C-alpha atoms as a PDB file:
ATOM      1  CA  MET A   1      -4.742  69.053 -43.358  1.00  0.00           C
ATOM      2  CA  LYS A   2      -6.789  71.954 -42.504  1.00  0.00           C
ATOM      3  CA  LYS A   3      -9.972  69.541 -41.741  1.00  0.00           C
ATOM      4  CA  TYR A   4      -7.985  68.106 -38.526  1.00  0.00           C
ATOM      5  CA  ILE A   5      -7.581  70.779 -37.145  1.00  0.00           C
ATOM      6  CA  TRP A   6     -11.106  71.883 -37.060  1.00  0.00           C
ATOM      7  CA  ASN A   7     -11.475  69.527 -34.361  1.00  0.00           C
ATOM      8  CA  CYS A   8     -14.127  69.960 -30.449  1.00  0.00           C
ATOM      9  CA  PHE A   9     -10.773  70.600 -29.403  1.00  0.00           C
ATOM     10  CA  LEU A  10     -11.155  73.546 -30.070  1.00  0.00           C
ATOM     11  CA  LEU A  11     -14.104  74.056 -27.468  1.00  0.00           C
ATOM     12  CA  LEU A  12     -11.964  72.831 -24.927  1.00  0.00           C
ATOM     13  CA  ILE A  13      -9.488  76.231 -25.122  1.00  0.00           C
ATOM     14  CA  PRO A  14     -11.675  78.193 -23.110  1.00  0.00           C
ATOM     15  CA  ILE A  15     -12.080  75.856 -20.060  1.00  0.00           C
ATOM     16  CA  PHE A  16      -8.563  75.590 -20.098  1.00  0.00           C
ATOM     17  CA  LEU A  17      -7.188  79.038 -20.313  1.00  0.00           C
ATOM     18  CA  TRP A  18     -10.121  80.257 -17.760  1.00  0.00           C
ATOM     19  CA  ASN A  19      -8.832  77.386 -15.608  1.00  0.00           C
ATOM     20  CA  ILE A  20      -5.073  78.461 -15.825  1.00  0.00           C
ATOM     21  CA  LEU A  21      -5.451  81.641 -15.331  1.00  0.00           C
ATOM     22  CA  LEU A  22      -8.130  81.445 -12.039  1.00  0.00           C
ATOM     23  CA  VAL A  23      -7.222  78.699 -10.750  1.00  0.00           C
ATOM     24  CA  LYS A  24      -4.769  80.995  -8.222  1.00  0.00           C
ATOM     25  CA  TYR A  25      -7.739  82.745  -7.054  1.00  0.00           C
ATOM     26  CA  LEU A  26     -10.110  79.758  -6.353  1.00  0.00           C
ATOM     27  CA  PRO A  27     -11.029  79.599  -2.334  1.00  0.00           C
ATOM     28  CA  LYS A  28      -8.409  77.164  -0.158  1.00  0.00           C
ATOM     29  CA  GLY A  29     -10.953  74.286  -0.299  1.00  0.00           C
ATOM     30  CA  TYR A  30      -9.682  73.810  -4.151  1.00  0.00           C
ATOM     31  CA  SER A  31      -6.407  73.518  -3.701  1.00  0.00           C
ATOM     32  CA  PRO A  32      -4.670  70.582  -5.129  1.00  0.00           C
ATOM     33  CA  GLU A  33      -2.904  70.123  -1.594  1.00  0.00           C
ATOM     34  CA  ILE A  34      -6.877  70.132   0.103  1.00  0.00           C
ATOM     35  CA  PHE A  35      -8.661  68.516  -2.843  1.00  0.00           C
ATOM     36  CA  TRP A  36      -6.653  65.711  -3.312  1.00  0.00           C
ATOM     37  CA  GLU A  37      -5.893  65.125   0.326  1.00  0.00           C
ATOM     38  CA  ASN A  38      -7.467  61.636   1.236  1.00  0.00           C
ATOM     39  CA  ILE A  39      -9.549  60.687  -1.802  1.00  0.00           C
ATOM     40  CA  PRO A  40     -10.379  56.893  -2.285  1.00  0.00           C
ATOM     41  CA  PRO A  41      -7.901  55.773  -4.688  1.00  0.00           C
ATOM     42  CA  LEU A  42     -10.791  54.231  -6.844  1.00  0.00           C
ATOM     43  CA  VAL A  43     -12.401  57.285  -6.965  1.00  0.00           C
ATOM     44  CA  LYS A  44      -8.762  59.075  -8.152  1.00  0.00           C
ATOM     45  CA  TYR A  45      -8.441  56.390 -10.884  1.00  0.00           C
ATOM     46  CA  ILE A  46     -11.665  56.389 -12.304  1.00  0.00           C
ATOM     47  CA  GLU A  47     -11.940  60.381 -12.358  1.00  0.00           C
ATOM     48  CA  ASN A  48      -8.480  60.843 -13.583  1.00  0.00           C
ATOM     49  CA  ILE A  49      -8.766  58.184 -16.961  1.00  0.00           C
ATOM     50  CA  SER A  50     -12.443  59.550 -17.574  1.00  0.00           C
ATOM     51  CA  ARG A  51     -11.020  62.903 -17.284  1.00  0.00           C
ATOM     52  CA  ILE A  52      -8.552  62.588 -19.761  1.00  0.00           C
ATOM     53  CA  ILE A  53     -10.731  60.610 -21.985  1.00  0.00           C
ATOM     54  CA  VAL A  54     -13.050  63.188 -22.081  1.00  0.00           C
ATOM     55  CA  PHE A  55     -10.533  66.119 -22.709  1.00  0.00           C
ATOM     56  CA  ALA A  56      -8.387  64.006 -25.146  1.00  0.00           C
ATOM     57  CA  LEU A  57     -11.697  62.475 -27.354  1.00  0.00           C
ATOM     58  CA  PRO A  58     -12.985  65.877 -28.481  1.00  0.00           C
ATOM     59  CA  ALA A  59      -9.670  65.815 -30.432  1.00  0.00           C
ATOM     60  CA  LEU A  60     -10.990  63.012 -32.627  1.00  0.00           C
ATOM     61  CA  MET A  61     -14.279  64.854 -33.633  1.00  0.00           C
ATOM     62  CA  LEU A  62     -15.588  67.278 -36.241  1.00  0.00           C
ATOM     63  CA  LEU A  63     -16.018  70.443 -35.392  1.00  0.00           C
ATOM     64  CA  SER A  64     -19.252  70.836 -37.651  1.00  0.00           C
ATOM     65  CA  PHE A  65     -22.244  73.175 -37.561  1.00  0.00           C
ATOM     66  CA  GLU A  66     -24.172  71.311 -40.183  1.00  0.00           C
ATOM     67  CA  THR A  67     -26.887  69.910 -38.608  1.00  0.00           C
ATOM     68  CA  ARG A  68     -29.741  70.863 -36.049  1.00  0.00           C
ATOM     69  CA  VAL A  69     -27.893  69.145 -33.452  1.00  0.00           C
ATOM     70  CA  GLN A  70     -25.133  70.691 -33.940  1.00  0.00           C
ATOM     71  CA  ARG A  71     -26.105  74.343 -33.532  1.00  0.00           C
ATOM     72  CA  ALA A  72     -28.352  73.228 -30.788  1.00  0.00           C
ATOM     73  CA  GLY A  73     -24.820  71.714 -29.224  1.00  0.00           C
ATOM     74  CA  ILE A  74     -22.715  74.798 -29.646  1.00  0.00           C
ATOM     75  CA  ARG A  75     -26.243  76.718 -27.976  1.00  0.00           C
ATOM     76  CA  THR A  76     -25.548  74.316 -25.031  1.00  0.00           C
ATOM     77  CA  TYR A  77     -22.130  74.445 -25.111  1.00  0.00           C
ATOM     78  CA  LEU A  78     -22.454  78.142 -24.805  1.00  0.00           C
ATOM     79  CA  VAL A  79     -25.186  77.828 -21.961  1.00  0.00           C
ATOM     80  CA  GLY A  80     -22.894  75.466 -20.163  1.00  0.00           C
ATOM     81  CA  LEU A  81     -19.840  77.631 -20.610  1.00  0.00           C
ATOM     82  CA  VAL A  82     -21.364  80.890 -18.934  1.00  0.00           C
ATOM     83  CA  PHE A  83     -22.935  78.274 -15.207  1.00  0.00           C
ATOM     84  CA  TYR A  84     -19.120  76.955 -15.456  1.00  0.00           C
ATOM     85  CA  PHE A  85     -17.586  80.644 -15.331  1.00  0.00           C
ATOM     86  CA  MET A  86     -20.491  81.856 -12.969  1.00  0.00           C
ATOM     87  CA  SER A  87     -19.871  79.086 -10.976  1.00  0.00           C
ATOM     88  CA  TRP A  88     -15.898  79.990 -10.768  1.00  0.00           C
ATOM     89  CA  GLY A  89     -16.530  83.467 -10.783  1.00  0.00           C
ATOM     90  CA  ILE A  90     -18.951  83.666  -7.478  1.00  0.00           C
ATOM     91  CA  VAL A  91     -16.781  81.075  -5.639  1.00  0.00           C
ATOM     92  CA  ILE A  92     -13.985  83.520  -6.494  1.00  0.00           C
ATOM     93  CA  LEU A  93     -15.610  86.848  -5.683  1.00  0.00           C
ATOM     94  CA  TYR A  94     -17.804  86.009  -2.873  1.00  0.00           C
ATOM     95  CA  PRO A  95     -15.751  82.615  -1.272  1.00  0.00           C
ATOM     96  CA  GLU A  96     -17.540  83.055   2.399  1.00  0.00           C
ATOM     97  CA  SER A  97     -20.979  83.849   0.908  1.00  0.00           C
ATOM     98  CA  LEU A  98     -24.208  81.532   1.420  1.00  0.00           C
ATOM     99  CA  TRP A  99     -23.841  79.875  -1.968  1.00  0.00           C
ATOM    100  CA  SER A 100     -19.984  79.128  -2.095  1.00  0.00           C
ATOM    101  CA  THR A 101     -19.927  77.878   1.549  1.00  0.00           C
ATOM    102  CA  SER A 102     -23.250  75.792   0.181  1.00  0.00           C
ATOM    103  CA  GLN A 103     -22.880  72.122  -1.135  1.00  0.00           C
ATOM    104  CA  ILE A 104     -23.901  73.120  -4.255  1.00  0.00           C
ATOM    105  CA  GLY A 105     -22.424  76.278  -4.520  1.00  0.00           C
ATOM    106  CA  PHE A 106     -19.030  74.217  -3.863  1.00  0.00           C
ATOM    107  CA  MET A 107     -20.004  71.442  -5.972  1.00  0.00           C
ATOM    108  CA  ALA A 108     -20.567  73.796  -8.985  1.00  0.00           C
ATOM    109  CA  PRO A 109     -17.598  74.026 -10.590  1.00  0.00           C
ATOM    110  CA  ALA A 110     -17.399  70.162 -10.714  1.00  0.00           C
ATOM    111  CA  PHE A 111     -21.209  69.517 -12.172  1.00  0.00           C
ATOM    112  CA  THR A 112     -21.967  72.497 -14.367  1.00  0.00           C
ATOM    113  CA  THR A 113     -19.098  71.283 -16.657  1.00  0.00           C
ATOM    114  CA  LEU A 114     -21.795  68.768 -17.840  1.00  0.00           C
ATOM    115  CA  ILE A 115     -23.426  71.103 -19.909  1.00  0.00           C
ATOM    116  CA  TRP A 116     -21.072  72.073 -22.299  1.00  0.00           C
ATOM    117  CA  PHE A 117     -19.634  68.707 -22.053  1.00  0.00           C
ATOM    118  CA  VAL A 118     -23.249  67.596 -23.510  1.00  0.00           C
ATOM    119  CA  GLY A 119     -22.948  70.367 -25.745  1.00  0.00           C
ATOM    120  CA  ILE A 120     -19.217  69.419 -27.459  1.00  0.00           C
ATOM    121  CA  GLY A 121     -21.264  65.574 -27.614  1.00  0.00           C
ATOM    122  CA  MET A 122     -23.833  67.140 -29.949  1.00  0.00           C
ATOM    123  CA  VAL A 123     -21.582  68.803 -31.667  1.00  0.00           C
ATOM    124  CA  GLY A 124     -19.242  66.169 -32.344  1.00  0.00           C
ATOM    125  CA  GLN A 125     -21.111  63.469 -34.118  1.00  0.00           C
ATOM    126  CA  LYS A 126     -18.858  62.901 -36.668  1.00  0.00           C
ATOM    127  CA  SER A 127     -14.886  61.545 -36.192  1.00  0.00           C
ATOM    128  CA  PHE A 128     -11.961  61.638 -38.318  1.00  0.00           C
ATOM    129  CA  ILE A 129     -11.426  57.854 -37.629  1.00  0.00           C
ATOM    130  CA  LYS A 130     -14.185  55.579 -37.477  1.00  0.00           C
ATOM    131  CA  ILE A 131     -16.072  55.039 -34.038  1.00  0.00           C
ATOM    132  CA  PRO A 132     -19.484  54.085 -34.108  1.00  0.00           C
ATOM    133  CA  TYR A 133     -22.068  56.579 -32.096  1.00  0.00           C
ATOM    134  CA  ILE A 134     -19.002  58.601 -31.020  1.00  0.00           C
ATOM    135  CA  SER A 135     -21.452  61.736 -30.033  1.00  0.00           C
ATOM    136  CA  THR A 136     -23.036  59.250 -27.242  1.00  0.00           C
ATOM    137  CA  LEU A 137     -20.306  57.742 -26.154  1.00  0.00           C
ATOM    138  CA  TYR A 138     -18.622  61.199 -25.394  1.00  0.00           C
ATOM    139  CA  ILE A 139     -21.347  62.382 -23.508  1.00  0.00           C
ATOM    140  CA  ILE A 140     -22.135  59.055 -21.445  1.00  0.00           C
ATOM    141  CA  LEU A 141     -18.447  58.625 -21.239  1.00  0.00           C
ATOM    142  CA  SER A 142     -18.833  62.773 -19.908  1.00  0.00           C
ATOM    143  CA  ILE A 143     -21.528  61.781 -17.748  1.00  0.00           C
ATOM    144  CA  LEU A 144     -19.458  59.282 -15.653  1.00  0.00           C
ATOM    145  CA  PHE A 145     -16.786  61.587 -15.593  1.00  0.00           C
ATOM    146  CA  VAL A 146     -18.663  64.519 -13.894  1.00  0.00           C
ATOM    147  CA  ILE A 147     -20.871  62.218 -11.276  1.00  0.00           C
ATOM    148  CA  VAL A 148     -17.315  61.218 -10.124  1.00  0.00           C
ATOM    149  CA  HIS A 149     -15.885  64.325 -10.307  1.00  0.00           C
ATOM    150  CA  SER A 150     -19.345  65.800  -8.405  1.00  0.00           C
ATOM    151  CA  PHE A 151     -18.018  62.684  -5.896  1.00  0.00           C
ATOM    152  CA  HIS A 152     -15.000  63.936  -5.376  1.00  0.00           C
ATOM    153  CA  CYS A 153     -16.225  67.254  -4.388  1.00  0.00           C
ATOM    154  CA  TYR A 154     -18.703  65.917  -2.605  1.00  0.00           C
ATOM    155  CA  ILE A 155     -16.385  64.731  -0.095  1.00  0.00           C
ATOM    156  CA  VAL A 156     -13.985  67.185  -0.083  1.00  0.00           C
ATOM    157  CA  PHE A 157     -17.014  69.330   0.972  1.00  0.00           C
ATOM    158  CA  GLN A 158     -17.308  67.211   3.651  1.00  0.00           C
ATOM    159  CA  ARG A 159     -14.592  67.159   5.270  1.00  0.00           C
ATOM    160  CA  PHE A 160     -14.818  71.099   5.600  1.00  0.00           C
ATOM    161  CA  VAL A 161     -18.628  70.212   7.342  1.00  0.00           C
ATOM    162  CA  GLU A 162     -17.367  68.185   9.820  1.00  0.00           C
END
């Protein structure tokens, strides 16, 4: 039973806590009523389905740091967390700054997730059930999610520029 508890979903807990605690401090453009307004249905569906998969799949991935790739993965994950937390911190603390009002700054909380997703994929090389190439599959699905999520952010940002 203990081996099932030590899965890569544990790596998502700091991200969930961060989001839950700080989402209320994000600038207006990130609020759910604005962020989801007038988003094409196909973008919504792909984003939400891929989100469910990339946040659920780590529960099936064994958390281990035995191999060189897994150890590199945890370092990649930690670097990704730093960039992700910084991207949120800047838009929260300095919402009117050049960075926060730029396209890249506004979208940073979306695209910086790719770094920690790749880190999770590198760590989770094995699964509790037989899923061939789970690490590669996870990274590919994460890339899909980040592309669509970033495109969603791009759409929202363009509304502010117009």
